[in-house]
Amino acid sequence: MNSKKSLSILLLIIATTGISFGGLIIRTVNTADAWQVAFYRGLGFVISFILILIYRYKSNFIKSIKNTGYYGFIGGIFLMIANVFFIHSL
């Protein structure tokens, strides 16, 4: 197995493990309402996504965001809606 495939499998396992604990972690937050949790979760996603794009594309990261186009924008809207529904379902 090549190193890129091994890294991909490792990252997939880490991501699914992290996401599976999302409900448990959100349930333990007693002081924040659902909208606060959705906001900070979305903010964390945006910051980490931007950092990954900067690392990968260096100075062309804004161009890479623009290149996602219409489908990237619609995908982002659906991801936002899914995040809000997930938080409110808990």
N, C-alpha and C. Protein backbone atom coordinates (compact mmCIF):
# COMPACT_ATOMS: atom_id res chain seq x y z
N MET A 1 0.85 -1.17 0.00
CA MET A 1 0.00 0.00 0.00
C MET A 1 0.90 1.24 0.00
N ASN A 2 0.57 2.21 -0.84
CA ASN A 2 1.41 3.41 -0.89
C ASN A 2 1.10 4.34 0.28
N SER A 3 1.96 5.32 0.49
CA SER A 3 1.84 6.16 1.68
C SER A 3 0.63 7.08 1.61
N LYS A 4 0.24 7.55 0.42
CA LYS A 4 -0.94 8.42 0.32
C LYS A 4 -2.21 7.67 0.67
N LYS A 5 -2.29 6.43 0.24
CA LYS A 5 -3.48 5.64 0.57
C LYS A 5 -3.52 5.34 2.06
N SER A 6 -2.38 5.03 2.66
CA SER A 6 -2.32 4.77 4.11
C SER A 6 -2.70 6.02 4.89
N LEU A 7 -2.20 7.18 4.47
CA LEU A 7 -2.54 8.43 5.13
C LEU A 7 -4.03 8.72 4.99
N SER A 8 -4.59 8.46 3.83
CA SER A 8 -6.02 8.68 3.60
C SER A 8 -6.86 7.81 4.52
N ILE A 9 -6.49 6.56 4.65
CA ILE A 9 -7.24 5.65 5.53
C ILE A 9 -7.12 6.09 6.98
N LEU A 10 -5.94 6.49 7.40
CA LEU A 10 -5.74 6.97 8.77
C LEU A 10 -6.58 8.21 9.05
N LEU A 11 -6.57 9.18 8.12
CA LEU A 11 -7.36 10.39 8.30
C LEU A 11 -8.85 10.08 8.31
N LEU A 12 -9.29 9.14 7.51
CA LEU A 12 -10.68 8.74 7.49
C LEU A 12 -11.10 8.14 8.83
N ILE A 13 -10.26 7.30 9.40
CA ILE A 13 -10.56 6.69 10.70
C ILE A 13 -10.60 7.76 11.79
N ILE A 14 -9.65 8.68 11.77
CA ILE A 14 -9.63 9.75 12.78
C ILE A 14 -10.87 10.64 12.64
N ALA A 15 -11.24 11.00 11.42
CA ALA A 15 -12.39 11.87 11.20
C ALA A 15 -13.70 11.21 11.63
N THR A 16 -13.89 9.94 11.28
CA THR A 16 -15.13 9.28 11.67
C THR A 16 -15.20 9.06 13.18
N THR A 17 -14.08 8.80 13.80
CA THR A 17 -14.07 8.67 15.26
C THR A 17 -14.40 10.00 15.91
N GLY A 18 -13.82 11.08 15.41
CA GLY A 18 -14.11 12.40 15.96
C GLY A 18 -15.56 12.81 15.78
N ILE A 19 -16.11 12.54 14.61
CA ILE A 19 -17.50 12.90 14.35
C ILE A 19 -18.46 12.05 15.18
N SER A 20 -18.11 10.81 15.43
CA SER A 20 -19.01 9.95 16.20
C SER A 20 -19.16 10.41 17.64
N PHE A 21 -18.18 11.15 18.15
CA PHE A 21 -18.29 11.69 19.51
C PHE A 21 -18.95 13.06 19.53
N GLY A 22 -19.34 13.59 18.38
CA GLY A 22 -19.93 14.92 18.30
C GLY A 22 -21.19 15.08 19.13
N GLY A 23 -22.09 14.12 19.05
CA GLY A 23 -23.32 14.19 19.83
C GLY A 23 -23.06 14.16 21.32
N LEU A 24 -22.16 13.30 21.74
CA LEU A 24 -21.82 13.20 23.16
C LEU A 24 -21.21 14.49 23.69
N ILE A 25 -20.33 15.08 22.92
CA ILE A 25 -19.70 16.32 23.34
C ILE A 25 -20.72 17.45 23.40
N ILE A 26 -21.59 17.53 22.43
CA ILE A 26 -22.59 18.60 22.40
C ILE A 26 -23.59 18.44 23.54
N ARG A 27 -23.93 17.21 23.89
CA ARG A 27 -24.86 16.98 25.00
C ARG A 27 -24.29 17.43 26.33
N THR A 28 -22.96 17.42 26.48
CA THR A 28 -22.34 17.81 27.74
C THR A 28 -22.24 19.33 27.90
N VAL A 29 -22.50 20.08 26.84
CA VAL A 29 -22.47 21.54 26.93
C VAL A 29 -23.82 22.00 27.47
N ASN A 30 -23.84 22.44 28.72
CA ASN A 30 -25.10 22.83 29.35
C ASN A 30 -25.35 24.32 29.29
N THR A 31 -24.32 25.12 29.13
CA THR A 31 -24.49 26.56 29.23
C THR A 31 -24.82 27.23 27.91
N ALA A 32 -24.62 26.57 26.80
CA ALA A 32 -24.87 27.18 25.49
C ALA A 32 -26.13 26.61 24.87
N ASP A 33 -26.87 27.48 24.18
CA ASP A 33 -28.05 26.97 23.47
C ASP A 33 -27.61 26.43 22.11
N ALA A 34 -28.57 25.89 21.37
CA ALA A 34 -28.25 25.20 20.12
C ALA A 34 -27.63 26.14 19.08
N TRP A 35 -28.08 27.38 19.04
CA TRP A 35 -27.55 28.32 18.05
C TRP A 35 -26.11 28.70 18.35
N GLN A 36 -25.76 28.81 19.64
CA GLN A 36 -24.37 29.10 19.99
C GLN A 36 -23.47 27.93 19.60
N VAL A 37 -23.91 26.74 19.86
CA VAL A 37 -23.12 25.56 19.50
C VAL A 37 -22.95 25.48 17.99
N ALA A 38 -24.03 25.72 17.24
CA ALA A 38 -23.95 25.68 15.78
C ALA A 38 -23.00 26.76 15.26
N PHE A 39 -23.04 27.94 15.87
CA PHE A 39 -22.16 29.03 15.44
C PHE A 39 -20.70 28.67 15.66
N TYR A 40 -20.36 28.23 16.86
CA TYR A 40 -18.96 27.93 17.16
C TYR A 40 -18.47 26.69 16.41
N ARG A 41 -19.35 25.76 16.18
CA ARG A 41 -18.96 24.60 15.40
C ARG A 41 -18.68 25.00 13.95
N GLY A 42 -19.54 25.84 13.39
CA GLY A 42 -19.32 26.35 12.04
C GLY A 42 -18.07 27.21 11.94
N LEU A 43 -17.83 28.03 12.96
CA LEU A 43 -16.64 28.86 12.98
C LEU A 43 -15.37 28.01 13.01
N GLY A 44 -15.39 26.97 13.82
CA GLY A 44 -14.25 26.06 13.86
C GLY A 44 -14.02 25.37 12.53
N PHE A 45 -15.12 25.00 11.86
CA PHE A 45 -15.00 24.36 10.55
C PHE A 45 -14.40 25.32 9.53
N VAL A 46 -14.87 26.56 9.52
CA VAL A 46 -14.37 27.54 8.56
C VAL A 46 -12.89 27.83 8.79
N ILE A 47 -12.50 28.01 10.05
CA ILE A 47 -11.10 28.30 10.36
C ILE A 47 -10.20 27.14 9.95
N SER A 48 -10.61 25.92 10.30
CA SER A 48 -9.76 24.78 9.95
C SER A 48 -9.73 24.56 8.44
N PHE A 49 -10.84 24.81 7.75
CA PHE A 49 -10.87 24.66 6.30
C PHE A 49 -9.96 25.68 5.63
N ILE A 50 -9.98 26.92 6.11
CA ILE A 50 -9.11 27.96 5.55
C ILE A 50 -7.65 27.61 5.80
N LEU A 51 -7.33 27.12 6.99
CA LEU A 51 -5.94 26.74 7.27
C LEU A 51 -5.47 25.61 6.36
N ILE A 52 -6.34 24.65 6.10
CA ILE A 52 -5.99 23.56 5.19
C ILE A 52 -5.77 24.09 3.77
N LEU A 53 -6.64 25.00 3.33
CA LEU A 53 -6.48 25.57 1.99
C LEU A 53 -5.21 26.40 1.88
N ILE A 54 -4.89 27.16 2.92
CA ILE A 54 -3.65 27.94 2.90
C ILE A 54 -2.44 27.01 2.84
N TYR A 55 -2.48 25.94 3.62
CA TYR A 55 -1.37 24.98 3.60
C TYR A 55 -1.21 24.33 2.24
N ARG A 56 -2.34 23.98 1.64
CA ARG A 56 -2.27 23.24 0.38
C ARG A 56 -2.00 24.13 -0.83
N TYR A 57 -2.66 25.29 -0.90
CA TYR A 57 -2.57 26.14 -2.09
C TYR A 57 -1.72 27.39 -1.90
N LYS A 58 -1.19 27.61 -0.73
CA LYS A 58 -0.33 28.76 -0.42
C LYS A 58 -1.02 30.07 -0.81
N SER A 59 -0.46 30.80 -1.75
CA SER A 59 -1.01 32.12 -2.09
C SER A 59 -2.23 32.03 -3.00
N ASN A 60 -2.53 30.88 -3.55
CA ASN A 60 -3.68 30.73 -4.45
C ASN A 60 -4.92 30.21 -3.74
N PHE A 61 -4.98 30.31 -2.41
CA PHE A 61 -6.12 29.70 -1.72
C PHE A 61 -7.42 30.44 -2.00
N ILE A 62 -7.38 31.75 -2.24
CA ILE A 62 -8.61 32.48 -2.56
C ILE A 62 -9.11 32.05 -3.94
N LYS A 63 -8.20 31.84 -4.86
CA LYS A 63 -8.58 31.35 -6.19
C LYS A 63 -9.19 29.95 -6.09
N SER A 64 -8.67 29.12 -5.19
CA SER A 64 -9.22 27.77 -5.04
C SER A 64 -10.64 27.82 -4.47
N ILE A 65 -10.92 28.80 -3.62
CA ILE A 65 -12.28 28.96 -3.10
C ILE A 65 -13.21 29.40 -4.23
N LYS A 66 -12.76 30.34 -5.05
CA LYS A 66 -13.58 30.82 -6.17
C LYS A 66 -13.82 29.72 -7.19
N ASN A 67 -12.87 28.81 -7.34
CA ASN A 67 -13.00 27.74 -8.33
C ASN A 67 -14.04 26.68 -7.95
N THR A 68 -14.51 26.69 -6.71
CA THR A 68 -15.55 25.72 -6.34
C THR A 68 -16.84 26.01 -7.08
N GLY A 69 -17.08 27.28 -7.38
CA GLY A 69 -18.22 27.67 -8.20
C GLY A 69 -19.56 27.45 -7.53
N TYR A 70 -20.56 27.30 -8.38
CA TYR A 70 -21.95 27.17 -7.96
C TYR A 70 -22.17 25.93 -7.10
N TYR A 71 -21.63 24.81 -7.52
CA TYR A 71 -21.84 23.57 -6.78
C TYR A 71 -21.17 23.60 -5.41
N GLY A 72 -20.04 24.24 -5.31
CA GLY A 72 -19.39 24.40 -4.01
C GLY A 72 -20.22 25.27 -3.08
N PHE A 73 -20.80 26.33 -3.63
CA PHE A 73 -21.65 27.22 -2.84
C PHE A 73 -22.90 26.49 -2.34
N ILE A 74 -23.55 25.76 -3.23
CA ILE A 74 -24.75 24.99 -2.85
C ILE A 74 -24.38 23.92 -1.83
N GLY A 75 -23.25 23.26 -2.01
CA GLY A 75 -22.79 22.26 -1.05
C GLY A 75 -22.55 22.87 0.32
N GLY A 76 -21.98 24.07 0.35
CA GLY A 76 -21.77 24.77 1.62
C GLY A 76 -23.08 25.12 2.31
N ILE A 77 -24.07 25.54 1.54
CA ILE A 77 -25.39 25.84 2.11
C ILE A 77 -26.00 24.58 2.71
N PHE A 78 -25.94 23.47 1.99
CA PHE A 78 -26.49 22.22 2.52
C PHE A 78 -25.74 21.74 3.75
N LEU A 79 -24.43 21.94 3.77
CA LEU A 79 -23.64 21.57 4.95
C LEU A 79 -24.04 22.42 6.15
N MET A 80 -24.29 23.71 5.92
CA MET A 80 -24.72 24.59 6.99
C MET A 80 -26.08 24.15 7.54
N ILE A 81 -27.01 23.85 6.66
CA ILE A 81 -28.34 23.41 7.08
C ILE A 81 -28.25 22.09 7.84
N ALA A 82 -27.44 21.17 7.36
CA ALA A 82 -27.27 19.88 8.05
C ALA A 82 -26.68 20.08 9.44
N ASN A 83 -25.73 21.00 9.58
CA ASN A 83 -25.12 21.29 10.87
C ASN A 83 -26.17 21.82 11.85
N VAL A 84 -26.99 22.76 11.41
CA VAL A 84 -28.02 23.33 12.28
C VAL A 84 -29.03 22.26 12.67
N PHE A 85 -29.47 21.45 11.73
CA PHE A 85 -30.43 20.38 12.05
C PHE A 85 -29.83 19.35 12.99
N PHE A 86 -28.55 19.03 12.81
CA PHE A 86 -27.89 18.07 13.70
C PHE A 86 -27.87 18.60 15.13
N ILE A 87 -27.49 19.85 15.30
CA ILE A 87 -27.42 20.44 16.64
C ILE A 87 -28.80 20.49 17.27
N HIS A 88 -29.81 20.90 16.52
CA HIS A 88 -31.16 21.00 17.08
C HIS A 88 -31.79 19.63 17.35
N SER A 89 -31.32 18.61 16.67
CA SER A 89 -31.89 17.27 16.91
C SER A 89 -31.42 16.69 18.24
N LEU A 90 -30.33 17.22 18.77
CA LEU A 90 -29.83 16.71 20.05
C LEU A 90 -30.53 17.43 21.16
